Amino acid sequence: MCLPDALQELTECKRQREWAFGERDRIVSERDNVRIVCDQLRLERDGAVTDLFSALRDCNDIRRQKNDAVRELKEFRYGSFY
């Protein structure tokens, strides 16, 4: 192998190395962005679940109050027969 061929091969190897490092950096950056989006979505999901549980608790409280009010209304209407 002569010197010009070796220099050309060296240049090609450097180019491929730089391309590989660039690809690695791009993939790492993309992975980090996906992780950030996943963390944000996880936080939103957890907040939505908390809101849902709160709404369900409120719904159950209102249903209980309604049932108590209906029971009291029946007692007022019909006496304490029920």
C-alpha atoms as a PDB file:
ATOM      1  CA  MET A   1       0.000   0.000   0.000  1.00  0.00           C
ATOM      2  CA  CYS A   2       1.454   3.355  -0.938  1.00  0.00           C
ATOM      3  CA  LEU A   3       1.309   6.532   1.106  1.00  0.00           C
ATOM      4  CA  PRO A   4      -1.466   8.296  -0.898  1.00  0.00           C
ATOM      5  CA  ASP A   5      -3.706   5.216  -0.578  1.00  0.00           C
ATOM      6  CA  ALA A   6      -3.007   5.042   3.157  1.00  0.00           C
ATOM      7  CA  LEU A   7      -3.824   8.749   3.564  1.00  0.00           C
ATOM      8  CA  GLN A   8      -7.050   8.301   1.585  1.00  0.00           C
ATOM      9  CA  GLU A   9      -8.016   5.303   3.743  1.00  0.00           C
ATOM     10  CA  LEU A  10      -7.167   7.286   6.876  1.00  0.00           C
ATOM     11  CA  THR A  11      -9.366  10.165   5.680  1.00  0.00           C
ATOM     12  CA  GLU A  12     -12.236   7.756   4.934  1.00  0.00           C
ATOM     13  CA  CYS A  13     -11.875   6.110   8.348  1.00  0.00           C
ATOM     14  CA  LYS A  14     -11.960   9.518  10.062  1.00  0.00           C
ATOM     15  CA  ARG A  15     -15.073  10.465   8.088  1.00  0.00           C
ATOM     16  CA  GLN A  16     -16.808   7.222   9.065  1.00  0.00           C
ATOM     17  CA  ARG A  17     -15.761   7.695  12.684  1.00  0.00           C
ATOM     18  CA  GLU A  18     -17.169  11.234  12.763  1.00  0.00           C
ATOM     19  CA  TRP A  19     -20.391  10.020  11.141  1.00  0.00           C
ATOM     20  CA  ALA A  20     -20.705   7.239  13.756  1.00  0.00           C
ATOM     21  CA  PHE A  21     -20.135   9.687  16.620  1.00  0.00           C
ATOM     22  CA  GLY A  22     -22.696  12.047  15.098  1.00  0.00           C
ATOM     23  CA  GLU A  23     -25.227   9.220  14.845  1.00  0.00           C
ATOM     24  CA  ARG A  24     -24.533   8.201  18.430  1.00  0.00           C
ATOM     25  CA  ASP A  25     -25.026  11.790  19.625  1.00  0.00           C
ATOM     26  CA  ARG A  26     -28.260  12.074  17.624  1.00  0.00           C
ATOM     27  CA  ILE A  27     -29.597   8.820  19.092  1.00  0.00           C
ATOM     28  CA  VAL A  28     -28.644   9.808  22.646  1.00  0.00           C
ATOM     29  CA  SER A  29     -30.335  13.181  22.178  1.00  0.00           C
ATOM     30  CA  GLU A  30     -33.449  11.532  20.752  1.00  0.00           C
ATOM     31  CA  ARG A  31     -33.536   9.067  23.669  1.00  0.00           C
ATOM     32  CA  ASP A  32     -33.261  11.939  26.151  1.00  0.00           C
ATOM     33  CA  ASN A  33     -36.105  13.786  24.417  1.00  0.00           C
ATOM     34  CA  VAL A  34     -38.274  10.665  24.525  1.00  0.00           C
ATOM     35  CA  ARG A  35     -37.486  10.274  28.224  1.00  0.00           C
ATOM     36  CA  ILE A  36     -38.493  13.896  28.882  1.00  0.00           C
ATOM     37  CA  VAL A  37     -41.776  13.473  26.988  1.00  0.00           C
ATOM     38  CA  CYS A  38     -42.496  10.212  28.855  1.00  0.00           C
ATOM     39  CA  ASP A  39     -41.869  11.907  32.190  1.00  0.00           C
ATOM     40  CA  GLN A  40     -44.222  14.755  31.247  1.00  0.00           C
ATOM     41  CA  LEU A  41     -46.915  12.330  30.109  1.00  0.00           C
ATOM     42  CA  ARG A  42     -46.489  10.288  33.291  1.00  0.00           C
ATOM     43  CA  LEU A  43     -46.976  13.431  35.386  1.00  0.00           C
ATOM     44  CA  GLU A  44     -50.077  14.381  33.375  1.00  0.00           C
ATOM     45  CA  ARG A  45     -51.460  10.863  33.766  1.00  0.00           C
ATOM     46  CA  ASP A  46     -50.849  10.873  37.505  1.00  0.00           C
ATOM     47  CA  GLY A  47     -52.567  14.253  37.801  1.00  0.00           C
ATOM     48  CA  ALA A  48     -55.524  13.007  35.755  1.00  0.00           C
ATOM     49  CA  VAL A  49     -55.824   9.891  37.937  1.00  0.00           C
ATOM     50  CA  THR A  50     -55.736  12.038  41.071  1.00  0.00           C
ATOM     51  CA  ASP A  51     -58.442  14.309  39.623  1.00  0.00           C
ATOM     52  CA  LEU A  52     -60.527  11.272  38.690  1.00  0.00           C
ATOM     53  CA  PHE A  53     -60.295   9.821  42.205  1.00  0.00           C
ATOM     54  CA  SER A  54     -61.273  13.190  43.641  1.00  0.00           C
ATOM     55  CA  ALA A  55     -64.248  13.420  41.266  1.00  0.00           C
ATOM     56  CA  LEU A  56     -65.330   9.873  42.156  1.00  0.00           C
ATOM     57  CA  ARG A  57     -65.087  10.660  45.866  1.00  0.00           C
ATOM     58  CA  ASP A  58     -67.153  13.823  45.351  1.00  0.00           C
ATOM     59  CA  CYS A  59     -69.690  11.844  43.302  1.00  0.00           C
ATOM     60  CA  ASN A  60     -70.012   9.247  46.054  1.00  0.00           C
ATOM     61  CA  ASP A  61     -70.433  11.999  48.676  1.00  0.00           C
ATOM     62  CA  ILE A  62     -73.157  13.663  46.606  1.00  0.00           C
ATOM     63  CA  ARG A  63     -74.891  10.320  46.025  1.00  0.00           C
ATOM     64  CA  ARG A  64     -74.800   9.621  49.772  1.00  0.00           C
ATOM     65  CA  GLN A  65     -76.200  13.089  50.543  1.00  0.00           C
ATOM     66  CA  LYS A  66     -78.947  12.584  47.951  1.00  0.00           C
ATOM     67  CA  ASN A  67     -79.899   9.224  49.442  1.00  0.00           C
ATOM     68  CA  ASP A  68     -79.954  10.746  52.932  1.00  0.00           C
ATOM     69  CA  ALA A  69     -82.143  13.608  51.682  1.00  0.00           C
ATOM     70  CA  VAL A  70     -84.529  11.190  49.940  1.00  0.00           C
ATOM     71  CA  ARG A  71     -84.757   9.129  53.117  1.00  0.00           C
ATOM     72  CA  GLU A  72     -85.493  12.247  55.194  1.00  0.00           C
ATOM     73  CA  LEU A  73     -88.091  13.384  52.666  1.00  0.00           C
ATOM     74  CA  LYS A  74     -89.834  10.010  52.858  1.00  0.00           C
ATOM     75  CA  GLU A  75     -89.801  10.212  56.631  1.00  0.00           C
ATOM     76  CA  PHE A  76     -91.360  13.674  56.538  1.00  0.00           C
ATOM     77  CA  ARG A  77     -93.964  12.577  54.002  1.00  0.00           C
ATOM     78  CA  TYR A  78     -94.943   9.252  55.442  1.00  0.00           C
ATOM     79  CA  GLY A  79     -93.835   9.493  59.008  1.00  0.00           C
ATOM     80  CA  SER A  80     -91.292   7.009  60.264  1.00  0.00           C
ATOM     81  CA  PHE A  81     -92.872   4.022  58.520  1.00  0.00           C
ATOM     82  CA  TYR A  82     -89.763   3.401  56.424  1.00  0.00           C
END
